[in-house]
Protein backbone atom coordinates (compact mmCIF):
# COMPACT_ATOMS: atom_id res chain seq x y z
CA MET A 1 -16.26 37.24 -64.32
CA ALA A 2 -16.35 38.04 -68.03
CA VAL A 3 -19.02 35.40 -68.66
CA VAL A 4 -21.16 36.72 -65.82
CA ALA A 5 -20.80 40.29 -67.14
CA LEU A 6 -21.75 39.14 -70.65
CA LEU A 7 -24.81 37.28 -69.35
CA LEU A 8 -25.82 40.31 -67.30
CA TYR A 9 -25.48 42.55 -70.37
CA VAL A 10 -27.54 40.22 -72.58
CA GLY A 11 -30.21 39.84 -69.89
CA CYS A 12 -30.49 43.60 -69.35
CA TYR A 13 -30.59 44.22 -73.10
CA GLN A 14 -33.49 41.81 -73.48
CA PHE A 15 -35.45 43.78 -70.88
CA SER A 16 -34.68 47.21 -72.36
CA PHE A 17 -33.74 47.93 -76.01
CA GLY A 18 -34.05 44.38 -77.35
CA PRO A 19 -37.84 44.03 -77.72
CA ILE A 20 -38.49 47.58 -78.94
CA CYS A 21 -37.73 46.92 -82.61
CA TRP A 22 -39.91 43.79 -82.55
CA LEU A 23 -42.76 45.71 -80.91
CA MET A 24 -42.52 48.49 -83.46
CA ILE A 25 -42.46 46.00 -86.35
CA SER A 26 -45.62 44.32 -85.12
CA GLU A 27 -47.49 47.59 -84.54
CA ILE A 28 -46.43 49.83 -87.41
CA PHE A 29 -47.84 47.92 -90.39
CA PRO A 30 -51.56 47.58 -91.22
CA LEU A 31 -53.00 44.07 -91.13
CA ARG A 32 -53.20 43.70 -94.92
CA LYS A 33 -49.50 44.47 -95.38
CA ARG A 34 -48.10 43.16 -92.10
CA GLY A 35 -46.55 39.99 -93.51
CA ARG A 36 -44.57 41.65 -96.27
CA GLY A 37 -43.70 44.70 -94.17
CA SER A 38 -42.54 42.57 -91.26
CA SER A 39 -40.40 40.46 -93.58
CA ILE A 40 -38.67 43.51 -95.03
CA ALA A 41 -38.21 45.10 -91.59
CA VAL A 42 -36.69 41.92 -90.14
CA LEU A 43 -34.38 41.59 -93.16
CA LEU A 44 -33.19 45.17 -92.67
CA ASN A 45 -32.77 44.60 -88.92
CA PHE A 46 -30.57 41.55 -89.43
CA GLY A 47 -28.71 43.32 -92.26
CA ALA A 48 -27.91 46.25 -89.96
CA ASN A 49 -26.73 43.81 -87.28
CA ALA A 50 -24.45 42.13 -89.83
CA ILE A 51 -22.99 45.48 -90.92
CA VAL A 52 -22.21 46.41 -87.31
CA THR A 53 -20.66 42.99 -86.68
CA PHE A 54 -18.45 43.02 -89.77
CA ALA A 55 -17.47 46.68 -89.41
CA PHE A 56 -16.46 46.39 -85.75
CA SER A 57 -12.92 45.03 -86.20
CA PRO A 58 -11.87 47.43 -88.98
CA LEU A 59 -13.32 50.38 -87.06
CA GLN A 60 -11.56 49.26 -83.89
CA GLU A 61 -8.23 49.17 -85.73
CA LEU A 62 -8.92 52.56 -87.32
CA LEU A 63 -10.30 54.48 -84.33
CA GLY A 64 -9.26 52.45 -81.30
CA ALA A 65 -11.50 50.58 -78.89
CA GLY A 66 -12.18 53.53 -76.57
CA ILE A 67 -13.41 55.91 -79.25
CA LEU A 68 -15.46 53.19 -80.90
CA PHE A 69 -17.26 52.34 -77.67
CA TYR A 70 -17.92 56.03 -77.05
CA ILE A 71 -19.52 56.18 -80.49
CA PHE A 72 -21.63 53.12 -79.72
CA GLY A 73 -22.58 54.65 -76.37
CA GLY A 74 -23.62 57.88 -78.13
CA ILE A 75 -25.78 55.88 -80.51
CA ALA A 76 -27.38 54.07 -77.57
CA ILE A 77 -28.12 57.34 -75.76
CA SER A 78 -29.56 58.93 -78.91
CA SER A 79 -31.77 55.87 -79.43
CA LEU A 80 -32.96 56.24 -75.85
CA PHE A 81 -34.02 59.83 -76.58
CA PHE A 82 -35.67 58.71 -79.82
CA ILE A 83 -37.65 56.04 -78.00
CA TYR A 84 -38.61 58.37 -75.16
CA PHE A 85 -39.78 61.29 -77.33
CA ILE A 86 -40.92 59.67 -80.60
CA VAL A 87 -42.21 56.27 -79.43
CA PRO A 88 -43.62 57.01 -75.98
CA GLU A 89 -46.13 54.14 -75.90
CA THR A 90 -43.38 51.53 -75.76
C-alpha cells in the first residue's frame, strides 16, 4: 500500500507542481542568455532540493513530524496561490 501511495504521489506531482519550475526556467530568460540563466536556475533548484532533503531529519526531530508536514503543506498551498495569481499562463 505504501508503494502504491508513493507512486500515486509522484505521478500526481509530475502532472501538477513538477513541471512548473522547468516551464518557468525555459520561458523567463531571453534567447541570448538562456543557456547561462538556465544553468544557474537549475543549480539553484537542485540546491534547494538538497537543502530540504538534508534538513528534513533534523527538523523532524526538532518540531515533530506532524508540525513539519503542516509547514510543508502551508508552503505547498502558498506556492499554489503564487502560481495562480503571479504565473497565470502556466
